[in-house]
C-alpha atoms as a PDB file:
ATOM      1  CA  MET A   1     225.211 -29.645  66.276  1.00  0.00           C
ATOM      2  CA  GLU A   2     223.650 -32.267  63.999  1.00  0.00           C
ATOM      3  CA  PHE A   3     225.584 -32.912  60.778  1.00  0.00           C
ATOM      4  CA  ASN A   4     223.164 -31.838  58.047  1.00  0.00           C
ATOM      5  CA  HIS A   5     224.201 -32.388  54.454  1.00  0.00           C
ATOM      6  CA  LEU A   6     222.152 -33.627  51.515  1.00  0.00           C
ATOM      7  CA  SER A   7     224.226 -35.815  49.215  1.00  0.00           C
ATOM      8  CA  VAL A   8     223.997 -34.544  45.657  1.00  0.00           C
ATOM      9  CA  MET A   9     222.845 -36.868  42.839  1.00  0.00           C
ATOM     10  CA  ALA A  10     223.091 -39.921  45.103  1.00  0.00           C
ATOM     11  CA  ASN A  11     220.860 -42.052  42.852  1.00  0.00           C
ATOM     12  CA  GLU A  12     222.945 -41.287  39.793  1.00  0.00           C
ATOM     13  CA  VAL A  13     226.184 -42.017  41.656  1.00  0.00           C
ATOM     14  CA  VAL A  14     225.042 -45.427  42.894  1.00  0.00           C
ATOM     15  CA  GLU A  15     223.483 -46.536  39.599  1.00  0.00           C
ATOM     16  CA  THR A  16     226.676 -45.950  37.591  1.00  0.00           C
ATOM     17  CA  LEU A  17     229.463 -46.393  40.138  1.00  0.00           C
ATOM     18  CA  VAL A  18     228.462 -49.748  41.635  1.00  0.00           C
ATOM     19  CA  THR A  19     229.300 -52.547  39.178  1.00  0.00           C
ATOM     20  CA  ASN A  20     230.248 -55.338  41.596  1.00  0.00           C
ATOM     21  CA  LEU A  21     228.075 -55.989  44.646  1.00  0.00           C
ATOM     22  CA  ASP A  22     230.984 -57.729  46.411  1.00  0.00           C
ATOM     23  CA  GLY A  23     233.507 -55.079  45.442  1.00  0.00           C
ATOM     24  CA  ILE A  24     235.687 -52.480  47.161  1.00  0.00           C
ATOM     25  CA  TYR A  25     234.609 -48.843  46.953  1.00  0.00           C
ATOM     26  CA  VAL A  26     236.340 -45.701  48.165  1.00  0.00           C
ATOM     27  CA  ASP A  27     234.492 -42.525  49.143  1.00  0.00           C
ATOM     28  CA  CYS A  28     237.274 -39.932  49.127  1.00  0.00           C
ATOM     29  CA  THR A  29     235.061 -37.197  50.588  1.00  0.00           C
ATOM     30  CA  LEU A  30     232.983 -39.077  53.120  1.00  0.00           C
ATOM     31  CA  GLY A  31     231.277 -36.078  54.715  1.00  0.00           C
ATOM     32  CA  GLY A  32     228.312 -37.224  56.776  1.00  0.00           C
ATOM     33  CA  GLY A  33     228.297 -40.557  54.946  1.00  0.00           C
ATOM     34  CA  GLY A  34     225.313 -39.887  52.691  1.00  0.00           C
ATOM     35  CA  HIS A  35     226.757 -41.253  49.463  1.00  0.00           C
ATOM     36  CA  SER A  36     228.453 -44.142  51.254  1.00  0.00           C
ATOM     37  CA  LEU A  37     225.201 -45.119  52.938  1.00  0.00           C
ATOM     38  CA  ARG A  38     223.423 -45.287  49.579  1.00  0.00           C
ATOM     39  CA  ILE A  39     226.267 -47.371  48.148  1.00  0.00           C
ATOM     40  CA  ALA A  40     226.263 -49.645  51.223  1.00  0.00           C
ATOM     41  CA  GLU A  41     222.533 -50.276  50.869  1.00  0.00           C
ATOM     42  CA  LYS A  42     223.213 -51.857  47.476  1.00  0.00           C
ATOM     43  CA  LEU A  43     226.236 -53.982  48.430  1.00  0.00           C
ATOM     44  CA  ASN A  44     226.548 -57.532  49.777  1.00  0.00           C
ATOM     45  CA  PRO A  45     228.029 -58.267  53.229  1.00  0.00           C
ATOM     46  CA  GLU A  46     231.403 -59.257  51.688  1.00  0.00           C
ATOM     47  CA  ALA A  47     231.855 -55.808  50.093  1.00  0.00           C
ATOM     48  CA  LEU A  48     233.989 -53.039  51.575  1.00  0.00           C
ATOM     49  CA  ILE A  49     233.603 -49.269  51.647  1.00  0.00           C
ATOM     50  CA  ILE A  50     236.593 -47.150  52.639  1.00  0.00           C
ATOM     51  CA  GLY A  51     235.524 -43.656  53.653  1.00  0.00           C
ATOM     52  CA  ILE A  52     238.067 -40.835  53.828  1.00  0.00           C
ATOM     53  CA  ASP A  53     237.575 -37.367  55.288  1.00  0.00           C
ATOM     54  CA  GLN A  54     239.783 -34.734  56.884  1.00  0.00           C
ATOM     55  CA  ASP A  55     236.960 -33.202  58.937  1.00  0.00           C
ATOM     56  CA  ILE A  56     236.623 -34.936  62.311  1.00  0.00           C
ATOM     57  CA  GLU A  57     233.011 -33.748  62.700  1.00  0.00           C
ATOM     58  CA  ALA A  58     232.185 -35.440  59.392  1.00  0.00           C
ATOM     59  CA  ILE A  59     233.949 -38.613  60.517  1.00  0.00           C
ATOM     60  CA  GLU A  60     231.883 -38.761  63.715  1.00  0.00           C
ATOM     61  CA  ALA A  61     228.629 -38.217  61.826  1.00  0.00           C
ATOM     62  CA  ALA A  62     229.486 -40.830  59.206  1.00  0.00           C
ATOM     63  CA  GLN A  63     230.406 -43.435  61.808  1.00  0.00           C
ATOM     64  CA  LEU A  64     226.954 -43.078  63.328  1.00  0.00           C
ATOM     65  CA  ARG A  65     225.140 -43.080  59.999  1.00  0.00           C
ATOM     66  CA  LEU A  66     226.965 -46.132  58.652  1.00  0.00           C
ATOM     67  CA  SER A  67     226.965 -48.140  61.898  1.00  0.00           C
ATOM     68  CA  LYS A  68     224.156 -50.461  60.820  1.00  0.00           C
ATOM     69  CA  SER A  69     225.385 -51.156  57.278  1.00  0.00           C
ATOM     70  CA  ILE A  70     225.669 -54.850  56.468  1.00  0.00           C
ATOM     71  CA  CYS A  71     228.815 -54.507  54.345  1.00  0.00           C
ATOM     72  CA  ASN A  72     232.283 -53.815  55.745  1.00  0.00           C
ATOM     73  CA  ILE A  73     233.029 -50.177  56.533  1.00  0.00           C
ATOM     74  CA  LYS A  74     236.455 -48.668  57.186  1.00  0.00           C
ATOM     75  CA  ILE A  75     236.581 -44.941  57.997  1.00  0.00           C
ATOM     76  CA  ILE A  76     239.865 -43.040  57.860  1.00  0.00           C
ATOM     77  CA  HIS A  77     240.643 -39.523  59.083  1.00  0.00           C
ATOM     78  CA  ASN A  78     242.894 -38.188  56.341  1.00  0.00           C
ATOM     79  CA  ASN A  79     242.997 -36.189  53.107  1.00  0.00           C
ATOM     80  CA  PHE A  80     242.353 -37.899  49.773  1.00  0.00           C
ATOM     81  CA  SER A  81     245.724 -36.596  48.583  1.00  0.00           C
ATOM     82  CA  LYS A  82     247.119 -39.477  50.667  1.00  0.00           C
ATOM     83  CA  LEU A  83     245.106 -42.101  48.764  1.00  0.00           C
ATOM     84  CA  ASN A  84     248.132 -44.194  47.795  1.00  0.00           C
ATOM     85  CA  GLU A  85     249.324 -44.399  51.396  1.00  0.00           C
ATOM     86  CA  ILE A  86     245.824 -45.079  52.714  1.00  0.00           C
ATOM     87  CA  LEU A  87     245.231 -48.022  50.372  1.00  0.00           C
ATOM     88  CA  ASN A  88     248.709 -49.351  51.025  1.00  0.00           C
ATOM     89  CA  ASP A  89     248.043 -49.279  54.785  1.00  0.00           C
ATOM     90  CA  CYS A  90     244.818 -51.210  54.137  1.00  0.00           C
ATOM     91  CA  ASN A  91     246.759 -53.787  52.052  1.00  0.00           C
ATOM     92  CA  ILE A  92     244.579 -52.953  49.070  1.00  0.00           C
ATOM     93  CA  ASP A  93     245.879 -52.363  45.556  1.00  0.00           C
ATOM     94  CA  LYS A  94     242.873 -52.454  43.245  1.00  0.00           C
ATOM     95  CA  ILE A  95     239.325 -51.228  43.825  1.00  0.00           C
ATOM     96  CA  ASN A  96     236.015 -51.338  41.950  1.00  0.00           C
ATOM     97  CA  GLY A  97     234.897 -47.754  42.318  1.00  0.00           C
ATOM     98  CA  ILE A  98     235.885 -44.400  43.727  1.00  0.00           C
ATOM     99  CA  LEU A  99     233.949 -41.211  44.420  1.00  0.00           C
ATOM    100  CA  PHE A 100     234.974 -37.577  44.922  1.00  0.00           C
ATOM    101  CA  ASP A 101     232.320 -35.097  46.067  1.00  0.00           C
ATOM    102  CA  LEU A 102     234.335 -31.897  46.003  1.00  0.00           C
ATOM    103  CA  GLY A 103     233.927 -28.549  47.740  1.00  0.00           C
ATOM    104  CA  VAL A 104     232.517 -27.506  51.081  1.00  0.00           C
ATOM    105  CA  SER A 105     229.657 -29.331  52.815  1.00  0.00           C
ATOM    106  CA  SER A 106     226.405 -27.752  53.931  1.00  0.00           C
ATOM    107  CA  HIS A 107     227.365 -28.576  57.520  1.00  0.00           C
ATOM    108  CA  GLN A 108     230.638 -26.685  57.230  1.00  0.00           C
ATOM    109  CA  ILE A 109     228.881 -23.648  55.770  1.00  0.00           C
ATOM    110  CA  ASP A 110     226.062 -23.714  58.299  1.00  0.00           C
ATOM    111  CA  THR A 111     228.327 -24.146  61.335  1.00  0.00           C
ATOM    112  CA  ALA A 112     229.040 -20.472  61.945  1.00  0.00           C
ATOM    113  CA  GLN A 113     232.133 -20.946  64.096  1.00  0.00           C
ATOM    114  CA  ARG A 114     233.927 -22.763  61.255  1.00  0.00           C
ATOM    115  CA  GLY A 115     234.236 -19.422  59.446  1.00  0.00           C
ATOM    116  CA  PHE A 116     233.214 -20.625  55.971  1.00  0.00           C
ATOM    117  CA  SER A 117     230.168 -18.353  55.706  1.00  0.00           C
ATOM    118  CA  TYR A 118     230.062 -14.669  54.822  1.00  0.00           C
ATOM    119  CA  ILE A 119     226.595 -14.469  56.402  1.00  0.00           C
ATOM    120  CA  ASN A 120     227.501 -15.200  60.035  1.00  0.00           C
ATOM    121  CA  ASP A 121     230.231 -13.499  62.043  1.00  0.00           C
ATOM    122  CA  ALA A 122     232.959 -15.898  63.201  1.00  0.00           C
ATOM    123  CA  PRO A 123     236.733 -16.172  63.472  1.00  0.00           C
ATOM    124  CA  LEU A 124     238.447 -16.409  60.079  1.00  0.00           C
ATOM    125  CA  ASP A 125     239.086 -20.146  59.890  1.00  0.00           C
ATOM    126  CA  MET A 126     237.814 -22.160  56.869  1.00  0.00           C
ATOM    127  CA  ARG A 127     239.870 -25.267  57.674  1.00  0.00           C
ATOM    128  CA  MET A 128     238.338 -28.537  56.517  1.00  0.00           C
ATOM    129  CA  ASN A 129     240.994 -30.308  58.547  1.00  0.00           C
ATOM    130  CA  GLN A 130     240.785 -28.665  61.955  1.00  0.00           C
ATOM    131  CA  SER A 131     244.116 -30.144  63.040  1.00  0.00           C
ATOM    132  CA  GLN A 132     246.100 -28.047  60.554  1.00  0.00           C
ATOM    133  CA  ASN A 133     247.488 -24.703  61.748  1.00  0.00           C
ATOM    134  CA  PHE A 134     247.058 -22.675  58.558  1.00  0.00           C
ATOM    135  CA  THR A 135     243.743 -20.766  58.502  1.00  0.00           C
ATOM    136  CA  ALA A 136     241.932 -18.065  56.568  1.00  0.00           C
ATOM    137  CA  ARG A 137     243.283 -15.543  59.050  1.00  0.00           C
ATOM    138  CA  ASN A 138     246.808 -16.353  57.872  1.00  0.00           C
ATOM    139  CA  VAL A 139     245.835 -15.716  54.263  1.00  0.00           C
ATOM    140  CA  VAL A 140     244.063 -12.432  54.953  1.00  0.00           C
ATOM    141  CA  ASN A 141     246.704 -10.999  57.298  1.00  0.00           C
ATOM    142  CA  ASP A 142     249.952 -12.457  55.967  1.00  0.00           C
ATOM    143  CA  TYR A 143     249.679 -12.620  52.172  1.00  0.00           C
ATOM    144  CA  ASP A 144     251.031  -9.602  50.310  1.00  0.00           C
ATOM    145  CA  GLU A 145     248.817  -7.642  47.938  1.00  0.00           C
ATOM    146  CA  GLU A 146     250.050  -9.501  44.858  1.00  0.00           C
ATOM    147  CA  ASN A 147     249.241 -12.922  46.289  1.00  0.00           C
ATOM    148  CA  LEU A 148     245.858 -11.802  47.584  1.00  0.00           C
ATOM    149  CA  TYR A 149     245.057 -10.548  44.086  1.00  0.00           C
ATOM    150  CA  ARG A 150     246.250 -13.850  42.612  1.00  0.00           C
ATOM    151  CA  ILE A 151     244.002 -16.079  44.695  1.00  0.00           C
ATOM    152  CA  PHE A 152     240.962 -13.788  44.385  1.00  0.00           C
ATOM    153  CA  HIS A 153     241.431 -13.636  40.610  1.00  0.00           C
ATOM    154  CA  ASP A 154     242.431 -17.251  39.969  1.00  0.00           C
ATOM    155  CA  TYR A 155     240.348 -19.100  42.546  1.00  0.00           C
ATOM    156  CA  GLY A 156     237.409 -16.741  42.905  1.00  0.00           C
ATOM    157  CA  GLU A 157     237.298 -15.284  39.388  1.00  0.00           C
ATOM    158  CA  GLU A 158     236.544 -12.043  41.209  1.00  0.00           C
ATOM    159  CA  ARG A 159     236.191  -9.005  38.938  1.00  0.00           C
ATOM    160  CA  PHE A 160     237.341  -6.585  41.632  1.00  0.00           C
ATOM    161  CA  SER A 161     240.291  -8.642  42.900  1.00  0.00           C
ATOM    162  CA  ASN A 162     242.783  -5.788  42.695  1.00  0.00           C
ATOM    163  CA  ARG A 163     240.533  -3.353  44.529  1.00  0.00           C
ATOM    164  CA  ILE A 164     239.717  -5.850  47.291  1.00  0.00           C
ATOM    165  CA  ALA A 165     243.356  -6.869  47.785  1.00  0.00           C
ATOM    166  CA  LYS A 166     244.412  -3.216  48.177  1.00  0.00           C
ATOM    167  CA  ALA A 167     241.612  -2.575  50.679  1.00  0.00           C
ATOM    168  CA  ILE A 168     242.586  -5.588  52.800  1.00  0.00           C
ATOM    169  CA  VAL A 169     246.246  -4.571  52.960  1.00  0.00           C
ATOM    170  CA  LYS A 170     245.270  -1.012  53.908  1.00  0.00           C
ATOM    171  CA  ALA A 171     242.804  -2.141  56.609  1.00  0.00           C
ATOM    172  CA  ARG A 172     245.147  -4.583  58.309  1.00  0.00           C
ATOM    173  CA  LYS A 173     247.787  -1.869  58.745  1.00  0.00           C
ATOM    174  CA  VAL A 174     245.372  -0.279  61.206  1.00  0.00           C
ATOM    175  CA  LYS A 175     244.050  -3.446  62.829  1.00  0.00           C
ATOM    176  CA  ALA A 176     244.394  -7.193  62.243  1.00  0.00           C
ATOM    177  CA  ILE A 177     241.469  -8.768  60.399  1.00  0.00           C
ATOM    178  CA  ASP A 178     240.266 -11.538  62.698  1.00  0.00           C
ATOM    179  CA  THR A 179     236.641 -12.205  61.776  1.00  0.00           C
ATOM    180  CA  THR A 180     234.456 -12.915  58.780  1.00  0.00           C
ATOM    181  CA  ALA A 181     232.386  -9.794  59.527  1.00  0.00           C
ATOM    182  CA  GLN A 182     235.481  -7.576  59.366  1.00  0.00           C
ATOM    183  CA  LEU A 183     236.425  -9.054  56.012  1.00  0.00           C
ATOM    184  CA  VAL A 184     232.906  -8.757  54.607  1.00  0.00           C
ATOM    185  CA  ASP A 185     232.774  -5.089  55.680  1.00  0.00           C
ATOM    186  CA  ILE A 186     236.020  -4.351  53.826  1.00  0.00           C
ATOM    187  CA  ILE A 187     234.784  -6.081  50.674  1.00  0.00           C
ATOM    188  CA  GLU A 188     231.364  -4.421  50.707  1.00  0.00           C
ATOM    189  CA  LYS A 189     232.940  -0.974  50.918  1.00  0.00           C
ATOM    190  CA  VAL A 190     234.935  -1.388  47.699  1.00  0.00           C
ATOM    191  CA  VAL A 191     232.617  -3.468  45.498  1.00  0.00           C
ATOM    192  CA  PRO A 192     230.242  -1.209  43.511  1.00  0.00           C
ATOM    193  CA  ALA A 193     226.630  -1.390  44.601  1.00  0.00           C
ATOM    194  CA  ALA A 194     225.533  -2.199  41.048  1.00  0.00           C
ATOM    195  CA  ASN A 195     227.561  -5.414  41.135  1.00  0.00           C
ATOM    196  CA  LYS A 196     225.617  -6.725  44.128  1.00  0.00           C
ATOM    197  CA  LYS A 197     222.796  -7.846  41.829  1.00  0.00           C
ATOM    198  CA  PHE A 198     225.065 -10.797  40.916  1.00  0.00           C
ATOM    199  CA  GLY A 199     225.055 -12.075  44.490  1.00  0.00           C
ATOM    200  CA  HIS A 200     226.767 -11.347  47.777  1.00  0.00           C
ATOM    201  CA  PRO A 201     229.916  -9.268  47.133  1.00  0.00           C
ATOM    202  CA  ALA A 202     232.019 -11.484  49.409  1.00  0.00           C
ATOM    203  CA  LYS A 203     231.005 -14.819  47.855  1.00  0.00           C
ATOM    204  CA  ARG A 204     233.887 -15.187  45.406  1.00  0.00           C
ATOM    205  CA  VAL A 205     236.531 -13.939  47.832  1.00  0.00           C
ATOM    206  CA  PHE A 206     235.428 -16.417  50.495  1.00  0.00           C
ATOM    207  CA  GLN A 207     235.498 -19.211  47.917  1.00  0.00           C
ATOM    208  CA  ALA A 208     239.023 -18.228  46.889  1.00  0.00           C
ATOM    209  CA  ILE A 209     240.321 -18.104  50.459  1.00  0.00           C
ATOM    210  CA  ARG A 210     238.736 -21.466  51.277  1.00  0.00           C
ATOM    211  CA  ILE A 211     240.381 -23.067  48.242  1.00  0.00           C
ATOM    212  CA  GLU A 212     243.753 -21.604  49.246  1.00  0.00           C
ATOM    213  CA  VAL A 213     243.494 -22.678  52.892  1.00  0.00           C
ATOM    214  CA  ASN A 214     242.636 -26.263  51.947  1.00  0.00           C
ATOM    215  CA  ASN A 215     244.741 -26.514  48.760  1.00  0.00           C
ATOM    216  CA  GLU A 216     241.647 -27.854  47.022  1.00  0.00           C
ATOM    217  CA  LEU A 217     242.818 -27.377  43.439  1.00  0.00           C
ATOM    218  CA  GLY A 218     246.488 -28.112  44.004  1.00  0.00           C
ATOM    219  CA  ILE A 219     245.870 -31.740  44.949  1.00  0.00           C
ATOM    220  CA  LEU A 220     243.076 -32.560  42.510  1.00  0.00           C
ATOM    221  CA  GLU A 221     244.831 -33.653  39.308  1.00  0.00           C
ATOM    222  CA  THR A 222     247.278 -35.893  41.150  1.00  0.00           C
ATOM    223  CA  ALA A 223     244.455 -37.361  43.237  1.00  0.00           C
ATOM    224  CA  ILE A 224     242.475 -38.262  40.111  1.00  0.00           C
ATOM    225  CA  ASN A 225     245.502 -39.920  38.521  1.00  0.00           C
ATOM    226  CA  ASN A 226     246.180 -41.886  41.700  1.00  0.00           C
ATOM    227  CA  ALA A 227     242.539 -42.945  41.910  1.00  0.00           C
ATOM    228  CA  VAL A 228     242.490 -44.218  38.319  1.00  0.00           C
ATOM    229  CA  SER A 229     245.734 -46.141  38.875  1.00  0.00           C
ATOM    230  CA  HIS A 230     244.023 -48.148  41.633  1.00  0.00           C
ATOM    231  CA  LEU A 231     240.894 -49.036  39.647  1.00  0.00           C
ATOM    232  CA  LYS A 232     240.404 -52.570  38.389  1.00  0.00           C
ATOM    233  CA  ILE A 233     239.636 -52.974  34.690  1.00  0.00           C
ATOM    234  CA  GLY A 234     235.955 -52.070  34.433  1.00  0.00           C
ATOM    235  CA  GLY A 235     236.090 -50.105  37.684  1.00  0.00           C
ATOM    236  CA  ARG A 236     234.621 -46.636  37.698  1.00  0.00           C
ATOM    237  CA  ILE A 237     235.382 -43.171  39.023  1.00  0.00           C
ATOM    238  CA  ALA A 238     232.719 -40.555  39.791  1.00  0.00           C
ATOM    239  CA  ILE A 239     233.497 -36.904  40.508  1.00  0.00           C
ATOM    240  CA  ILE A 240     231.055 -34.197  41.599  1.00  0.00           C
ATOM    241  CA  THR A 241     232.216 -30.591  41.237  1.00  0.00           C
ATOM    242  CA  PHE A 242     230.557 -27.368  42.321  1.00  0.00           C
ATOM    243  CA  HIS A 243     232.419 -24.643  40.458  1.00  0.00           C
ATOM    244  CA  SER A 244     234.072 -24.184  37.091  1.00  0.00           C
ATOM    245  CA  LEU A 245     237.657 -24.269  38.382  1.00  0.00           C
ATOM    246  CA  GLU A 246     237.263 -27.785  39.773  1.00  0.00           C
ATOM    247  CA  ASP A 247     235.304 -28.959  36.758  1.00  0.00           C
ATOM    248  CA  ARG A 248     237.937 -27.721  34.297  1.00  0.00           C
ATOM    249  CA  ILE A 249     240.610 -29.737  36.095  1.00  0.00           C
ATOM    250  CA  VAL A 250     238.426 -32.854  36.174  1.00  0.00           C
ATOM    251  CA  LYS A 251     237.451 -32.502  32.516  1.00  0.00           C
ATOM    252  CA  ALA A 252     241.037 -31.919  31.370  1.00  0.00           C
ATOM    253  CA  THR A 253     242.428 -34.774  33.484  1.00  0.00           C
ATOM    254  CA  PHE A 254     239.766 -37.192  32.233  1.00  0.00           C
ATOM    255  CA  LYS A 255     240.472 -36.129  28.639  1.00  0.00           C
ATOM    256  CA  LYS A 256     244.201 -36.756  29.032  1.00  0.00           C
ATOM    257  CA  LEU A 257     243.625 -40.137  30.669  1.00  0.00           C
ATOM    258  CA  ALA A 258     241.203 -41.081  27.871  1.00  0.00           C
ATOM    259  CA  THR A 259     243.603 -40.144  25.042  1.00  0.00           C
ATOM    260  CA  ASP A 260     246.131 -42.453  23.407  1.00  0.00           C
ATOM    261  CA  CYS A 261     248.685 -39.936  22.152  1.00  0.00           C
ATOM    262  CA  ILE A 262     249.352 -36.652  23.934  1.00  0.00           C
ATOM    263  CA  CYS A 263     252.262 -35.471  21.772  1.00  0.00           C
ATOM    264  CA  PRO A 264     252.103 -31.920  20.349  1.00  0.00           C
ATOM    265  CA  LYS A 265     250.008 -31.850  17.179  1.00  0.00           C
ATOM    266  CA  ASN A 266     252.970 -30.842  15.011  1.00  0.00           C
ATOM    267  CA  PHE A 267     254.883 -34.052  15.841  1.00  0.00           C
ATOM    268  CA  PRO A 268     254.930 -36.307  12.742  1.00  0.00           C
ATOM    269  CA  VAL A 269     254.904 -39.494  14.813  1.00  0.00           C
ATOM    270  CA  CYS A 270     253.999 -40.388  18.389  1.00  0.00           C
ATOM    271  CA  VAL A 271     256.955 -40.434  20.769  1.00  0.00           C
ATOM    272  CA  CYS A 272     255.076 -40.287  24.077  1.00  0.00           C
ATOM    273  CA  ASN A 273     253.756 -43.869  23.956  1.00  0.00           C
ATOM    274  CA  HIS A 274     250.850 -42.703  26.092  1.00  0.00           C
ATOM    275  CA  LYS A 275     247.903 -45.106  26.124  1.00  0.00           C
ATOM    276  CA  ALA A 276     244.370 -44.312  27.208  1.00  0.00           C
ATOM    277  CA  GLU A 277     243.562 -45.678  30.663  1.00  0.00           C
ATOM    278  CA  ILE A 278     239.892 -44.745  30.847  1.00  0.00           C
ATOM    279  CA  LYS A 279     236.867 -44.141  28.716  1.00  0.00           C
ATOM    280  CA  ILE A 280     234.596 -41.251  29.617  1.00  0.00           C
ATOM    281  CA  LEU A 281     231.027 -42.368  30.277  1.00  0.00           C
ATOM    282  CA  GLY A 282     228.713 -39.886  28.629  1.00  0.00           C
ATOM    283  CA  LYS A 283     228.420 -36.182  29.239  1.00  0.00           C
ATOM    284  CA  GLN A 284     228.310 -34.412  32.574  1.00  0.00           C
ATOM    285  CA  ILE A 285     225.164 -34.923  34.637  1.00  0.00           C
ATOM    286  CA  THR A 286     223.356 -32.215  36.589  1.00  0.00           C
ATOM    287  CA  ALA A 287     220.731 -32.423  39.310  1.00  0.00           C
ATOM    288  CA  THR A 288     217.112 -32.948  38.322  1.00  0.00           C
ATOM    289  CA  GLY A 289     214.462 -30.318  38.916  1.00  0.00           C
ATOM    290  CA  GLU A 290     212.975 -32.517  41.622  1.00  0.00           C
ATOM    291  CA  GLU A 291     216.292 -32.662  43.480  1.00  0.00           C
ATOM    292  CA  LEU A 292     216.816 -28.911  43.163  1.00  0.00           C
ATOM    293  CA  THR A 293     213.500 -28.220  44.898  1.00  0.00           C
ATOM    294  CA  LYS A 294     214.769 -30.214  47.890  1.00  0.00           C
ATOM    295  CA  ASN A 295     218.392 -29.060  47.736  1.00  0.00           C
ATOM    296  CA  PRO A 296     218.989 -25.723  45.948  1.00  0.00           C
ATOM    297  CA  ARG A 297     222.731 -25.988  46.687  1.00  0.00           C
ATOM    298  CA  ALA A 298     222.894 -28.742  44.053  1.00  0.00           C
ATOM    299  CA  LYS A 299     222.273 -26.189  41.312  1.00  0.00           C
ATOM    300  CA  SER A 300     225.931 -25.760  40.369  1.00  0.00           C
ATOM    301  CA  ALA A 301     226.861 -29.438  40.760  1.00  0.00           C
ATOM    302  CA  LYS A 302     228.239 -31.426  37.829  1.00  0.00           C
ATOM    303  CA  LEU A 303     228.802 -35.193  37.922  1.00  0.00           C
ATOM    304  CA  ARG A 304     231.280 -36.919  35.613  1.00  0.00           C
ATOM    305  CA  PHE A 305     232.006 -40.637  35.235  1.00  0.00           C
ATOM    306  CA  ALA A 306     234.808 -42.654  33.646  1.00  0.00           C
ATOM    307  CA  GLU A 307     235.658 -46.356  33.427  1.00  0.00           C
ATOM    308  CA  LYS A 308     239.085 -48.004  33.624  1.00  0.00           C
ATOM    309  CA  ILE A 309     239.977 -49.792  30.375  1.00  0.00           C
ATOM    310  CA  ARG A 310     243.644 -50.785  30.864  1.00  0.00           C
END
């Protein structure tokens, strides 16, 4: 299957992220290589792009797409949570720019057998890294009711989390829940029909399970801090998010990194000695109307930039 994924706000990313045409850039979520290709088109032959992805199908697609780039390309099959180790293995300490394009790719959603979609029937999987053993089936069949409620509520912001968790536990006592269609059927039976006007009743639950399977939020704050620590002075970080949970973490982490003192407000003097490492570059950016006509999935995307200052 061809790897189809439209890179969101690619023009905006390249225009702000690339400050040195001979520099080193890291794409932490390489995907099919769309953003990296646009960056590569702007760089000189001496420049280097390091692309990281945990999805082997994405790696294969990116290798093909970037094969004719004139700058140096190094593609690594790993998770961006291992950024420190990856750069150390490459004998690189400081970089000029780094990009995170968070969430699930269009290819992953549209490839039915990957189990990310609530539209097509498939085994419950949802692994971005297909070499890991832990899948959506483990979450749905092994988590107790309390933990199911927790992830649906916290990661999916699902109004009917309690009701859905109870229904899943009851259903799996009769028969294991192995497929996306089985799970969707359980959800649809307990979500009130009136609520369906807000979208597919399984959307938030599937989002929550995907986040849990891939530990998407658990690694994010540390990954941002690690990324900033490797930026040269004047280097930039760009992060694209697709839902409020990710964006809150990015916004809060940027704010902390851009603040001199982080002591409690009631402290008479600063004792933390924290110094701002970045400055935030403007407000969040969203996709233009023109882009949305070509790629409706960009509707929820938010792009934030920051620059290393010390």
